[in-house]
Amino acid sequence: MAVVGVGLYVQGSLEAVRLYCEAFDMELGYHVLRQDGKGYYHAELSRRGEPALSVVEAEHAPGANPVQLGITFESRAQLEKAYGLLIQGGECELEPQPLPWSPWAACLRDRFGVRWFLSLPQYRPGEDFVPEV
């Protein structure tokens, strides 16, 4: 079985690690600071002892980001906490709301340019569901 890792290359990695740890109840694990001390050469974040993300200081601002990371929360309060933290300096792409496949979800781009899909546990919509385009 292959394990897929997610690496985030951001400018401002010290701040990004603090934000993601607080927003997603993660812990900073193994990490190496850059020689200048102004960012992480590599930082591993875990949640409940399980690897979750790695964060690296990007030399240049990332361009358009075609990837969206999804995080599923156990409660609406947890989702709202993460949304409230991540939206600061970011941009909302979908206000928190119910969706045909989730009782509560939101999409945003944080101030580091990372796109997030935040959701409560999902389910399949009915067979008659037709998306509005």
N, C-alpha and C. Protein backbone atom coordinates (compact mmCIF):
# COMPACT_ATOMS: atom_id res chain seq x y z
N MET A 1 0.84 -1.18 0.00
CA MET A 1 0.00 0.00 0.00
C MET A 1 0.88 1.24 0.00
N ALA A 2 0.62 2.15 -0.89
CA ALA A 2 1.40 3.39 -0.98
C ALA A 2 0.79 4.46 -0.08
N VAL A 3 1.65 5.25 0.51
CA VAL A 3 1.21 6.37 1.32
C VAL A 3 1.48 7.64 0.51
N VAL A 4 0.48 8.46 0.37
CA VAL A 4 0.63 9.71 -0.38
C VAL A 4 0.88 10.83 0.62
N GLY A 5 1.96 11.56 0.43
CA GLY A 5 2.26 12.69 1.29
C GLY A 5 1.91 13.99 0.61
N VAL A 6 1.62 14.98 1.40
CA VAL A 6 1.28 16.30 0.87
C VAL A 6 2.34 17.28 1.35
N GLY A 7 2.99 17.94 0.41
CA GLY A 7 3.98 18.96 0.74
C GLY A 7 3.50 20.32 0.30
N LEU A 8 3.57 21.28 1.20
CA LEU A 8 3.14 22.65 0.90
C LEU A 8 4.37 23.54 0.83
N TYR A 9 4.58 24.17 -0.30
CA TYR A 9 5.69 25.10 -0.50
C TYR A 9 5.12 26.51 -0.41
N VAL A 10 5.46 27.21 0.67
CA VAL A 10 4.90 28.54 0.92
C VAL A 10 6.01 29.52 1.26
N GLN A 11 5.73 30.80 1.08
CA GLN A 11 6.61 31.83 1.62
C GLN A 11 6.01 32.22 2.96
N GLY A 12 6.84 32.22 4.01
CA GLY A 12 6.34 32.47 5.36
C GLY A 12 6.05 31.17 6.08
N SER A 13 6.93 30.18 5.91
CA SER A 13 6.66 28.84 6.45
C SER A 13 6.58 28.80 7.97
N LEU A 14 7.31 29.66 8.68
CA LEU A 14 7.23 29.67 10.14
C LEU A 14 5.80 30.00 10.58
N GLU A 15 5.23 31.04 9.97
CA GLU A 15 3.86 31.45 10.28
C GLU A 15 2.86 30.41 9.79
N ALA A 16 3.11 29.84 8.61
CA ALA A 16 2.20 28.83 8.06
C ALA A 16 2.11 27.62 8.98
N VAL A 17 3.23 27.16 9.50
CA VAL A 17 3.22 26.01 10.40
C VAL A 17 2.42 26.32 11.65
N ARG A 18 2.61 27.50 12.24
CA ARG A 18 1.84 27.88 13.43
C ARG A 18 0.34 27.89 13.11
N LEU A 19 -0.03 28.48 11.98
CA LEU A 19 -1.44 28.57 11.59
C LEU A 19 -2.04 27.18 11.39
N TYR A 20 -1.38 26.32 10.61
CA TYR A 20 -1.93 25.01 10.31
C TYR A 20 -2.01 24.14 11.56
N CYS A 21 -1.03 24.26 12.45
CA CYS A 21 -1.09 23.49 13.70
C CYS A 21 -2.31 23.91 14.51
N GLU A 22 -2.54 25.22 14.61
CA GLU A 22 -3.68 25.70 15.39
C GLU A 22 -5.01 25.39 14.71
N ALA A 23 -5.09 25.60 13.41
CA ALA A 23 -6.35 25.41 12.68
C ALA A 23 -6.79 23.95 12.66
N PHE A 24 -5.83 23.02 12.53
CA PHE A 24 -6.17 21.61 12.35
C PHE A 24 -5.76 20.73 13.53
N ASP A 25 -5.45 21.35 14.69
CA ASP A 25 -5.02 20.60 15.88
C ASP A 25 -3.88 19.65 15.54
N MET A 26 -2.89 20.16 14.84
CA MET A 26 -1.72 19.36 14.46
C MET A 26 -0.55 19.72 15.37
N GLU A 27 0.47 18.87 15.29
CA GLU A 27 1.69 19.10 16.06
C GLU A 27 2.88 19.13 15.11
N LEU A 28 3.82 19.99 15.44
CA LEU A 28 5.06 20.04 14.67
C LEU A 28 5.95 18.89 15.13
N GLY A 29 6.34 18.06 14.19
CA GLY A 29 7.22 16.94 14.49
C GLY A 29 8.63 17.25 14.02
N TYR A 30 9.23 16.30 13.34
CA TYR A 30 10.58 16.49 12.82
C TYR A 30 10.62 17.72 11.94
N HIS A 31 11.61 18.58 12.17
CA HIS A 31 11.73 19.79 11.37
C HIS A 31 13.17 20.26 11.33
N VAL A 32 13.51 20.94 10.25
CA VAL A 32 14.84 21.50 10.05
C VAL A 32 14.66 22.94 9.58
N LEU A 33 15.25 23.88 10.32
CA LEU A 33 15.21 25.28 9.90
C LEU A 33 16.25 25.52 8.81
N ARG A 34 15.94 26.47 7.96
CA ARG A 34 16.93 26.89 6.96
C ARG A 34 18.13 27.50 7.70
N GLN A 35 19.26 27.55 7.04
CA GLN A 35 20.46 28.09 7.68
C GLN A 35 20.27 29.52 8.16
N ASP A 36 19.49 30.31 7.43
CA ASP A 36 19.27 31.71 7.83
C ASP A 36 18.22 31.83 8.93
N GLY A 37 17.57 30.71 9.30
CA GLY A 37 16.57 30.72 10.36
C GLY A 37 15.26 31.38 9.98
N LYS A 38 15.09 31.74 8.71
CA LYS A 38 13.91 32.48 8.28
C LYS A 38 12.84 31.59 7.66
N GLY A 39 12.89 30.33 7.93
CA GLY A 39 11.88 29.42 7.40
C GLY A 39 12.31 27.98 7.60
N TYR A 40 11.41 27.08 7.25
CA TYR A 40 11.69 25.66 7.38
C TYR A 40 12.26 25.11 6.07
N TYR A 41 13.36 24.41 6.20
CA TYR A 41 13.85 23.62 5.08
C TYR A 41 12.90 22.44 4.90
N HIS A 42 12.40 21.92 6.03
CA HIS A 42 11.43 20.82 6.03
C HIS A 42 10.76 20.80 7.40
N ALA A 43 9.44 20.73 7.43
CA ALA A 43 8.70 20.62 8.68
C ALA A 43 7.57 19.61 8.50
N GLU A 44 7.50 18.63 9.39
CA GLU A 44 6.45 17.61 9.32
C GLU A 44 5.39 17.91 10.37
N LEU A 45 4.14 17.91 9.95
CA LEU A 45 3.01 18.12 10.85
C LEU A 45 2.22 16.83 10.95
N SER A 46 1.79 16.52 12.17
CA SER A 46 0.99 15.31 12.38
C SER A 46 -0.26 15.65 13.16
N ARG A 47 -1.24 14.77 13.06
CA ARG A 47 -2.51 14.91 13.78
C ARG A 47 -2.81 13.57 14.41
N ARG A 48 -2.96 13.57 15.73
CA ARG A 48 -3.21 12.33 16.48
C ARG A 48 -2.12 11.29 16.19
N GLY A 49 -0.90 11.75 16.05
CA GLY A 49 0.23 10.86 15.82
C GLY A 49 0.40 10.37 14.40
N GLU A 50 -0.50 10.76 13.50
CA GLU A 50 -0.43 10.34 12.10
C GLU A 50 0.14 11.46 11.24
N PRO A 51 1.06 11.14 10.32
CA PRO A 51 1.59 12.18 9.43
C PRO A 51 0.47 12.84 8.64
N ALA A 52 0.56 14.17 8.49
CA ALA A 52 -0.49 14.89 7.77
C ALA A 52 0.06 15.74 6.63
N LEU A 53 1.00 16.61 6.93
CA LEU A 53 1.53 17.55 5.93
C LEU A 53 3.02 17.76 6.16
N SER A 54 3.70 18.17 5.11
CA SER A 54 5.03 18.75 5.29
C SER A 54 4.98 20.16 4.72
N VAL A 55 5.74 21.04 5.34
CA VAL A 55 5.76 22.44 4.93
C VAL A 55 7.21 22.83 4.66
N VAL A 56 7.42 23.51 3.54
CA VAL A 56 8.76 23.92 3.12
C VAL A 56 8.71 25.40 2.72
N GLU A 57 9.76 26.14 3.08
CA GLU A 57 9.86 27.54 2.66
C GLU A 57 10.16 27.60 1.17
N ALA A 58 9.30 28.26 0.42
CA ALA A 58 9.47 28.40 -1.03
C ALA A 58 10.41 29.57 -1.32
N GLU A 59 11.31 29.37 -2.23
CA GLU A 59 12.23 30.44 -2.63
C GLU A 59 11.48 31.57 -3.34
N HIS A 60 10.47 31.21 -4.12
CA HIS A 60 9.70 32.18 -4.89
C HIS A 60 8.23 31.97 -4.58
N ALA A 61 7.44 33.03 -4.72
CA ALA A 61 6.01 32.92 -4.48
C ALA A 61 5.43 31.89 -5.44
N PRO A 62 4.60 30.97 -4.90
CA PRO A 62 4.00 29.97 -5.79
C PRO A 62 3.04 30.64 -6.77
N GLY A 63 2.98 30.09 -7.98
CA GLY A 63 2.05 30.60 -8.99
C GLY A 63 0.66 30.05 -8.73
N ALA A 64 -0.14 30.00 -9.76
CA ALA A 64 -1.50 29.46 -9.62
C ALA A 64 -1.42 28.05 -9.05
N ASN A 65 -2.28 27.76 -8.12
CA ASN A 65 -2.26 26.47 -7.44
C ASN A 65 -3.45 25.64 -7.89
N PRO A 66 -3.22 24.61 -8.72
CA PRO A 66 -4.33 23.80 -9.20
C PRO A 66 -4.77 22.74 -8.20
N VAL A 67 -4.09 22.62 -7.06
CA VAL A 67 -4.41 21.58 -6.09
C VAL A 67 -5.23 22.16 -4.95
N GLN A 68 -6.23 21.43 -4.51
CA GLN A 68 -7.03 21.82 -3.36
C GLN A 68 -6.92 20.70 -2.34
N LEU A 69 -6.57 21.04 -1.12
CA LEU A 69 -6.45 20.05 -0.06
C LEU A 69 -7.75 19.98 0.71
N GLY A 70 -8.22 18.77 0.96
CA GLY A 70 -9.46 18.57 1.69
C GLY A 70 -9.21 18.07 3.09
N ILE A 71 -9.87 18.68 4.06
CA ILE A 71 -9.79 18.25 5.45
C ILE A 71 -11.21 17.99 5.93
N THR A 72 -11.44 16.80 6.50
CA THR A 72 -12.76 16.45 7.04
C THR A 72 -12.72 16.61 8.56
N PHE A 73 -13.68 17.32 9.09
CA PHE A 73 -13.75 17.60 10.52
C PHE A 73 -14.85 16.76 11.17
N GLU A 74 -14.72 16.54 12.46
CA GLU A 74 -15.71 15.77 13.21
C GLU A 74 -16.89 16.62 13.63
N SER A 75 -16.69 17.94 13.73
CA SER A 75 -17.79 18.81 14.18
C SER A 75 -17.77 20.13 13.41
N ARG A 76 -18.93 20.76 13.39
CA ARG A 76 -19.04 22.06 12.73
C ARG A 76 -18.17 23.09 13.46
N ALA A 77 -18.08 22.99 14.78
CA ALA A 77 -17.25 23.93 15.54
C ALA A 77 -15.78 23.85 15.12
N GLN A 78 -15.27 22.65 14.90
CA GLN A 78 -13.89 22.48 14.45
C GLN A 78 -13.70 23.10 13.06
N LEU A 79 -14.67 22.85 12.18
CA LEU A 79 -14.60 23.40 10.83
C LEU A 79 -14.61 24.93 10.87
N GLU A 80 -15.51 25.49 11.66
CA GLU A 80 -15.63 26.95 11.75
C GLU A 80 -14.36 27.57 12.34
N LYS A 81 -13.73 26.89 13.30
CA LYS A 81 -12.48 27.38 13.87
C LYS A 81 -11.40 27.45 12.79
N ALA A 82 -11.24 26.36 12.05
CA ALA A 82 -10.23 26.32 10.99
C ALA A 82 -10.53 27.38 9.93
N TYR A 83 -11.79 27.50 9.52
CA TYR A 83 -12.16 28.49 8.51
C TYR A 83 -11.82 29.90 9.00
N GLY A 84 -12.18 30.19 10.24
CA GLY A 84 -11.93 31.52 10.80
C GLY A 84 -10.45 31.88 10.83
N LEU A 85 -9.61 30.90 11.09
CA LEU A 85 -8.17 31.15 11.10
C LEU A 85 -7.61 31.26 9.69
N LEU A 86 -8.00 30.35 8.82
CA LEU A 86 -7.43 30.30 7.47
C LEU A 86 -7.87 31.47 6.59
N ILE A 87 -9.07 32.00 6.82
CA ILE A 87 -9.59 33.06 5.96
C ILE A 87 -8.91 34.40 6.23
N GLN A 88 -8.25 34.54 7.38
CA GLN A 88 -7.57 35.80 7.72
C GLN A 88 -6.46 36.07 6.70
N GLY A 89 -6.65 37.11 5.91
CA GLY A 89 -5.70 37.44 4.86
C GLY A 89 -5.87 36.58 3.62
N GLY A 90 -6.86 35.70 3.63
CA GLY A 90 -7.10 34.81 2.50
C GLY A 90 -8.30 35.26 1.68
N GLU A 91 -8.81 34.35 0.88
CA GLU A 91 -9.92 34.66 -0.02
C GLU A 91 -10.93 33.52 0.01
N CYS A 92 -12.19 33.87 0.24
CA CYS A 92 -13.26 32.87 0.26
C CYS A 92 -13.62 32.48 -1.17
N GLU A 93 -13.71 31.18 -1.41
CA GLU A 93 -14.16 30.68 -2.71
C GLU A 93 -15.57 30.11 -2.61
N LEU A 94 -15.95 29.65 -1.42
CA LEU A 94 -17.31 29.16 -1.16
C LEU A 94 -17.58 29.35 0.32
N GLU A 95 -18.53 30.23 0.65
CA GLU A 95 -18.89 30.47 2.05
C GLU A 95 -19.30 29.16 2.71
N PRO A 96 -19.07 29.02 4.03
CA PRO A 96 -19.54 27.81 4.73
C PRO A 96 -21.05 27.64 4.52
N GLN A 97 -21.42 26.43 4.08
CA GLN A 97 -22.82 26.15 3.76
C GLN A 97 -23.02 24.65 3.55
N PRO A 98 -24.27 24.20 3.59
CA PRO A 98 -24.53 22.80 3.25
C PRO A 98 -24.37 22.58 1.74
N LEU A 99 -23.91 21.40 1.38
CA LEU A 99 -23.78 21.00 -0.02
C LEU A 99 -24.52 19.68 -0.21
N PRO A 100 -24.82 19.30 -1.43
CA PRO A 100 -25.54 18.04 -1.65
C PRO A 100 -24.80 16.81 -1.11
N TRP A 101 -23.49 16.91 -0.90
CA TRP A 101 -22.70 15.77 -0.44
C TRP A 101 -22.09 15.99 0.94
N SER A 102 -22.40 17.12 1.58
CA SER A 102 -21.85 17.42 2.90
C SER A 102 -22.83 18.29 3.68
N PRO A 103 -23.03 18.00 4.96
CA PRO A 103 -23.92 18.84 5.75
C PRO A 103 -23.36 20.25 5.97
N TRP A 104 -22.03 20.43 5.86
CA TRP A 104 -21.43 21.75 6.02
C TRP A 104 -20.04 21.73 5.41
N ALA A 105 -19.75 22.69 4.54
CA ALA A 105 -18.46 22.72 3.85
C ALA A 105 -18.13 24.15 3.43
N ALA A 106 -16.86 24.39 3.16
CA ALA A 106 -16.39 25.70 2.70
C ALA A 106 -15.13 25.51 1.87
N CYS A 107 -14.88 26.46 0.97
CA CYS A 107 -13.65 26.47 0.17
C CYS A 107 -13.01 27.84 0.31
N LEU A 108 -11.68 27.85 0.43
CA LEU A 108 -10.97 29.11 0.53
C LEU A 108 -9.54 28.94 0.07
N ARG A 109 -8.90 30.07 -0.18
CA ARG A 109 -7.47 30.13 -0.47
C ARG A 109 -6.86 30.94 0.67
N ASP A 110 -5.93 30.35 1.42
CA ASP A 110 -5.35 31.06 2.55
C ASP A 110 -4.32 32.09 2.09
N ARG A 111 -3.78 32.82 3.04
CA ARG A 111 -2.87 33.92 2.69
C ARG A 111 -1.55 33.43 2.10
N PHE A 112 -1.30 32.12 2.13
CA PHE A 112 -0.10 31.55 1.53
C PHE A 112 -0.38 31.00 0.13
N GLY A 113 -1.63 31.13 -0.34
CA GLY A 113 -1.99 30.65 -1.67
C GLY A 113 -2.44 29.21 -1.71
N VAL A 114 -2.57 28.56 -0.55
CA VAL A 114 -3.01 27.17 -0.50
C VAL A 114 -4.53 27.13 -0.53
N ARG A 115 -5.08 26.27 -1.40
CA ARG A 115 -6.54 26.12 -1.52
C ARG A 115 -6.99 24.98 -0.61
N TRP A 116 -8.07 25.24 0.14
CA TRP A 116 -8.59 24.27 1.10
C TRP A 116 -10.07 23.99 0.85
N PHE A 117 -10.46 22.72 0.98
CA PHE A 117 -11.86 22.31 1.03
C PHE A 117 -12.07 21.76 2.43
N LEU A 118 -12.88 22.45 3.23
CA LEU A 118 -13.17 22.05 4.60
C LEU A 118 -14.57 21.46 4.63
N SER A 119 -14.73 20.29 5.26
CA SER A 119 -16.02 19.61 5.19
C SER A 119 -16.28 18.78 6.44
N LEU A 120 -17.55 18.60 6.75
CA LEU A 120 -17.96 17.57 7.70
C LEU A 120 -18.00 16.26 6.92
N PRO A 121 -18.10 15.11 7.60
CA PRO A 121 -18.13 13.83 6.86
C PRO A 121 -19.16 13.88 5.73
N GLN A 122 -18.73 13.39 4.58
CA GLN A 122 -19.54 13.49 3.37
C GLN A 122 -20.38 12.24 3.13
N TYR A 123 -21.35 12.40 2.25
CA TYR A 123 -22.22 11.31 1.82
C TYR A 123 -22.54 11.54 0.36
N ARG A 124 -23.06 10.53 -0.28
CA ARG A 124 -23.43 10.68 -1.70
C ARG A 124 -24.78 11.36 -1.82
N PRO A 125 -24.90 12.29 -2.78
CA PRO A 125 -26.22 12.88 -3.02
C PRO A 125 -27.13 11.85 -3.67
N GLY A 126 -28.41 12.15 -3.69
CA GLY A 126 -29.37 11.26 -4.32
C GLY A 126 -29.07 11.04 -5.79
N GLU A 127 -29.58 9.95 -6.33
CA GLU A 127 -29.35 9.60 -7.74
C GLU A 127 -29.88 10.67 -8.68
N ASP A 128 -30.86 11.47 -8.22
CA ASP A 128 -31.46 12.49 -9.08
C ASP A 128 -30.71 13.83 -9.02
N PHE A 129 -29.59 13.88 -8.30
CA PHE A 129 -28.84 15.13 -8.18
C PHE A 129 -28.24 15.54 -9.52
N VAL A 130 -28.46 16.81 -9.89
CA VAL A 130 -27.88 17.39 -11.09
C VAL A 130 -27.22 18.71 -10.67
N PRO A 131 -25.90 18.84 -10.84
CA PRO A 131 -25.24 20.07 -10.40
C PRO A 131 -25.67 21.27 -11.23
N GLU A 132 -25.77 22.42 -10.57
CA GLU A 132 -26.07 23.67 -11.27
C GLU A 132 -24.76 24.17 -11.86
N VAL A 133 -24.74 24.39 -13.15
CA VAL A 133 -23.51 24.86 -13.81
C VAL A 133 -23.71 26.25 -14.34
